[in-house]
């Protein structure tokens, strides 16, 4: 690790991370300081990015964030993670990219090691609600909305609104897709009744 990178890490985790949230009276300055320290840490960081108070992202080298996107208060990202442009993130979001192995029963899970990193990709214009958990390898399509408290275990289609544990399709944001979803749901309901 280079000395410059180490200094950015110390500046962020030792100081900038603990500054007030952006909506605080002094939030504008805290936002500028956090953005400056993260610019030296992230693999890619677009214009107008907002990193909120207490965000955790390890050393940041596998984090890519597009223009005008943000990391929510007290979020935890374990890279590699990429966020598109205009991504909104609520507080306490967790994005995981690896997991513990559990397939063998002849040895304890603690001795099986972990899976390799499985990147998470989030498209443009996505809203991730408060306390959402996104599991390894998930891709969230452009324009999607993930409801608060959801656990996302599978890919989310563009413009889908999902919620729950595990997250399930509620509807689509655009009317054309909504009517197609409604018709297929009605057909499935009829099939189940027979």
Protein backbone atom coordinates (compact mmCIF):
# COMPACT_ATOMS: atom_id res chain seq x y z
CA UNK A 1 0.00 0.00 0.00
CA UNK A 2 1.36 3.40 -0.94
CA UNK A 3 1.95 6.10 1.65
CA UNK A 4 -0.54 8.38 -0.14
CA UNK A 5 -3.28 5.76 0.04
CA UNK A 6 -2.51 5.14 3.69
CA UNK A 7 -2.82 8.87 4.42
CA UNK A 8 -6.22 8.99 2.67
CA UNK A 9 -7.39 5.98 4.72
CA UNK A 10 -6.26 7.62 7.97
CA UNK A 11 -7.91 10.90 6.96
CA UNK A 12 -11.20 9.18 6.14
CA UNK A 13 -11.50 6.63 8.97
CA UNK A 14 -9.80 8.80 11.58
CA UNK A 15 -11.58 12.07 10.84
CA UNK A 16 -13.89 12.53 7.84
CA UNK A 17 -16.09 9.50 8.54
CA UNK A 18 -17.11 10.98 11.90
CA UNK A 19 -18.13 14.43 10.63
CA UNK A 20 -21.84 15.36 10.73
CA UNK A 21 -24.32 14.03 8.18
CA UNK A 22 -25.01 16.11 5.07
CA UNK A 23 -28.36 17.37 6.34
CA UNK A 24 -26.71 18.84 9.46
CA UNK A 25 -25.96 22.58 9.78
CA UNK A 26 -22.27 21.93 8.98
CA UNK A 27 -23.08 19.11 6.58
CA UNK A 28 -22.00 20.96 3.45
CA UNK A 29 -18.40 21.15 4.64
CA UNK A 30 -18.43 17.58 5.97
CA UNK A 31 -19.67 16.41 2.58
CA UNK A 32 -16.83 18.23 0.78
CA UNK A 33 -14.20 16.76 3.13
CA UNK A 34 -15.54 13.21 2.83
CA UNK A 35 -15.70 13.51 -0.96
CA UNK A 36 -12.09 14.72 -1.10
CA UNK A 37 -10.78 11.85 1.03
CA UNK A 38 -12.80 9.21 -0.83
CA UNK A 39 -11.60 10.46 -4.21
CA UNK A 40 -8.15 9.20 -3.22
CA UNK A 41 -9.54 5.80 -2.19
CA UNK A 42 -12.18 4.68 -4.71
CA UNK A 43 -11.30 3.00 -8.01
CA UNK A 44 -13.68 5.45 -9.71
CA UNK A 45 -15.68 8.36 -8.35
CA UNK A 46 -17.95 10.55 -10.44
CA UNK A 47 -18.99 14.17 -10.03
CA UNK A 48 -21.25 15.20 -7.16
CA UNK A 49 -20.89 11.97 -5.18
CA UNK A 50 -22.06 12.12 -1.56
CA UNK A 51 -20.51 9.81 1.02
CA UNK A 52 -22.51 10.08 4.24
CA UNK A 53 -21.40 9.91 7.85
CA UNK A 54 -19.99 6.56 9.10
CA UNK A 55 -19.97 4.89 5.67
CA UNK A 56 -17.61 1.87 5.66
CA UNK A 57 -16.05 0.47 2.48
CA UNK A 58 -12.78 -1.16 3.53
CA UNK A 59 -9.86 0.32 1.62
CA UNK A 60 -12.16 1.46 -1.22
CA UNK A 61 -9.98 0.12 -4.04
CA UNK A 62 -12.86 -2.01 -5.47
CA UNK A 63 -15.57 0.65 -5.23
CA UNK A 64 -16.84 2.47 -8.34
CA UNK A 65 -19.45 5.20 -8.02
CA UNK A 66 -21.04 7.16 -10.87
CA UNK A 67 -22.03 10.81 -11.01
CA UNK A 68 -24.44 12.19 -8.42
CA UNK A 69 -24.75 8.94 -6.47
CA UNK A 70 -24.37 8.50 -2.74
CA UNK A 71 -23.50 6.13 0.06
CA UNK A 72 -26.03 6.29 2.90
CA UNK A 73 -25.37 6.95 6.57
CA UNK A 74 -23.68 3.98 8.27
CA UNK A 75 -23.67 1.86 5.10
CA UNK A 76 -21.23 -1.05 4.68
CA UNK A 77 -19.87 -2.00 1.27
CA UNK A 78 -17.56 -4.93 0.72
CA UNK A 79 -16.12 -4.60 -2.79
CA UNK A 80 -16.10 -5.10 -5.65
CA UNK A 81 -19.20 -2.91 -5.93
CA UNK A 82 -20.19 -0.55 -8.74
CA UNK A 83 -22.95 2.05 -8.53
CA UNK A 84 -24.25 3.83 -11.62
CA UNK A 85 -25.30 7.47 -11.80
CA UNK A 86 -28.00 9.04 -9.60
CA UNK A 87 -28.14 6.13 -7.14
CA UNK A 88 -29.87 6.99 -3.83
CA UNK A 89 -29.04 4.92 -0.76
CA UNK A 90 -30.76 5.07 2.61
CA UNK A 91 -29.08 4.54 5.98
CA UNK A 92 -27.67 1.19 7.16
CA UNK A 93 -27.48 -0.49 3.72
CA UNK A 94 -25.16 -3.53 3.55
CA UNK A 95 -23.72 -4.81 0.27
CA UNK A 96 -21.89 -8.14 0.52
CA UNK A 97 -19.70 -9.65 -2.20
CA UNK A 98 -18.47 -12.81 -0.47
CA UNK A 99 -19.84 -15.41 1.91
CA UNK A 100 -18.83 -18.37 4.08
CA UNK A 101 -18.76 -21.82 2.53
CA UNK A 102 -21.16 -24.31 4.09
CA UNK A 103 -21.43 -27.19 1.62
CA UNK A 104 -19.32 -29.72 3.54
CA UNK A 105 -20.77 -31.40 6.63
CA UNK A 106 -17.62 -33.32 7.65
CA UNK A 107 -15.84 -30.19 8.94
CA UNK A 108 -17.09 -27.10 10.81
CA UNK A 109 -18.18 -24.16 8.69
CA UNK A 110 -15.57 -21.99 10.40
CA UNK A 111 -12.87 -24.14 8.78
CA UNK A 112 -14.36 -24.19 5.25
CA UNK A 113 -13.19 -20.73 4.28
CA UNK A 114 -15.06 -18.22 2.21
CA UNK A 115 -16.25 -17.82 -1.33
CA UNK A 116 -14.32 -15.54 -3.65
CA UNK A 117 -15.65 -12.06 -4.28
CA UNK A 118 -18.75 -12.03 -6.48
CA UNK A 119 -19.22 -8.40 -7.64
CA UNK A 120 -22.43 -6.43 -7.09
CA UNK A 121 -23.52 -4.02 -9.83
CA UNK A 122 -26.20 -1.36 -9.41
CA UNK A 123 -27.52 0.50 -12.46
CA UNK A 124 -28.40 4.17 -12.93
CA UNK A 125 -31.32 5.93 -11.20
CA UNK A 126 -31.76 3.30 -8.48
CA UNK A 127 -33.23 3.90 -5.02
CA UNK A 128 -32.06 1.55 -2.26
CA UNK A 129 -34.14 1.96 0.90
CA UNK A 130 -33.06 1.95 4.53
CA UNK A 131 -31.50 -1.25 5.93
CA UNK A 132 -31.46 -3.15 2.65
CA UNK A 133 -29.06 -6.10 2.44
CA UNK A 134 -27.72 -7.00 -1.02
CA UNK A 135 -26.04 -10.40 -1.32
CA UNK A 136 -23.05 -11.42 -3.50
CA UNK A 137 -23.37 -11.40 -7.28
CA UNK A 138 -26.64 -9.43 -7.43
CA UNK A 139 -27.27 -7.03 -10.29
CA UNK A 140 -29.86 -4.30 -9.85
CA UNK A 141 -31.21 -2.89 -13.11
CA UNK A 142 -31.60 0.74 -14.13
CA UNK A 143 -34.47 2.60 -12.50
CA UNK A 144 -35.22 -0.05 -9.87
CA UNK A 145 -36.49 0.62 -6.35
CA UNK A 146 -35.58 -1.66 -3.43
CA UNK A 147 -37.93 -1.23 -0.46
CA UNK A 148 -36.65 -0.64 3.07
CA UNK A 149 -35.57 -3.73 4.99
CA UNK A 150 -35.37 -5.95 1.92
CA UNK A 151 -32.87 -8.77 1.48
CA UNK A 152 -31.92 -8.93 -2.20
CA UNK A 153 -30.82 -12.46 -3.12
CA UNK A 154 -31.45 -12.38 -6.90
CA UNK A 155 -31.02 -9.92 -9.75
CA UNK A 156 -33.57 -7.10 -9.97
CA UNK A 157 -34.94 -6.20 -13.42
CA UNK A 158 -34.85 -2.63 -14.74
CA UNK A 159 -37.63 -0.42 -13.34
CA UNK A 160 -38.80 -3.11 -10.91
CA UNK A 161 -40.00 -2.25 -7.43
CA UNK A 162 -39.02 -5.04 -5.05
CA UNK A 163 -39.45 -5.52 -1.30
CA UNK A 164 -39.38 -8.19 1.37
CA UNK A 165 -37.17 -10.99 2.63
CA UNK A 166 -36.28 -12.33 0.18
CA UNK A 167 -37.03 -9.36 -2.06
CA UNK A 168 -39.90 -10.04 -4.47
CA UNK A 169 -41.35 -8.09 -7.36
CA UNK A 170 -44.14 -5.75 -6.23
CA UNK A 171 -44.68 -3.89 -9.49
CA UNK A 172 -42.83 -1.99 -12.21
CA UNK A 173 -42.31 1.76 -12.26
CA UNK A 174 -43.48 2.09 -15.88
CA UNK A 175 -47.11 1.42 -16.81
CA UNK A 176 -46.40 -0.80 -19.84
CA UNK A 177 -44.40 -3.31 -17.77
CA UNK A 178 -46.91 -3.06 -14.92
CA UNK A 179 -49.82 -4.19 -17.09
CA UNK A 180 -47.78 -7.11 -18.45
CA UNK A 181 -46.82 -8.10 -14.90
CA UNK A 182 -50.43 -7.81 -13.74
CA UNK A 183 -51.69 -10.05 -16.58
CA UNK A 184 -49.04 -12.72 -15.88
CA UNK A 185 -49.85 -12.62 -12.14
CA UNK A 186 -53.56 -13.12 -12.89
CA UNK A 187 -52.75 -16.05 -15.16
CA UNK A 188 -50.56 -17.62 -12.45
CA UNK A 189 -53.36 -17.16 -9.89
CA UNK A 190 -55.85 -18.90 -12.21
CA UNK A 191 -53.41 -21.75 -12.80
CA UNK A 192 -52.90 -22.26 -9.05
CA UNK A 193 -56.66 -22.46 -8.45
CA UNK A 194 -57.09 -25.36 -10.90
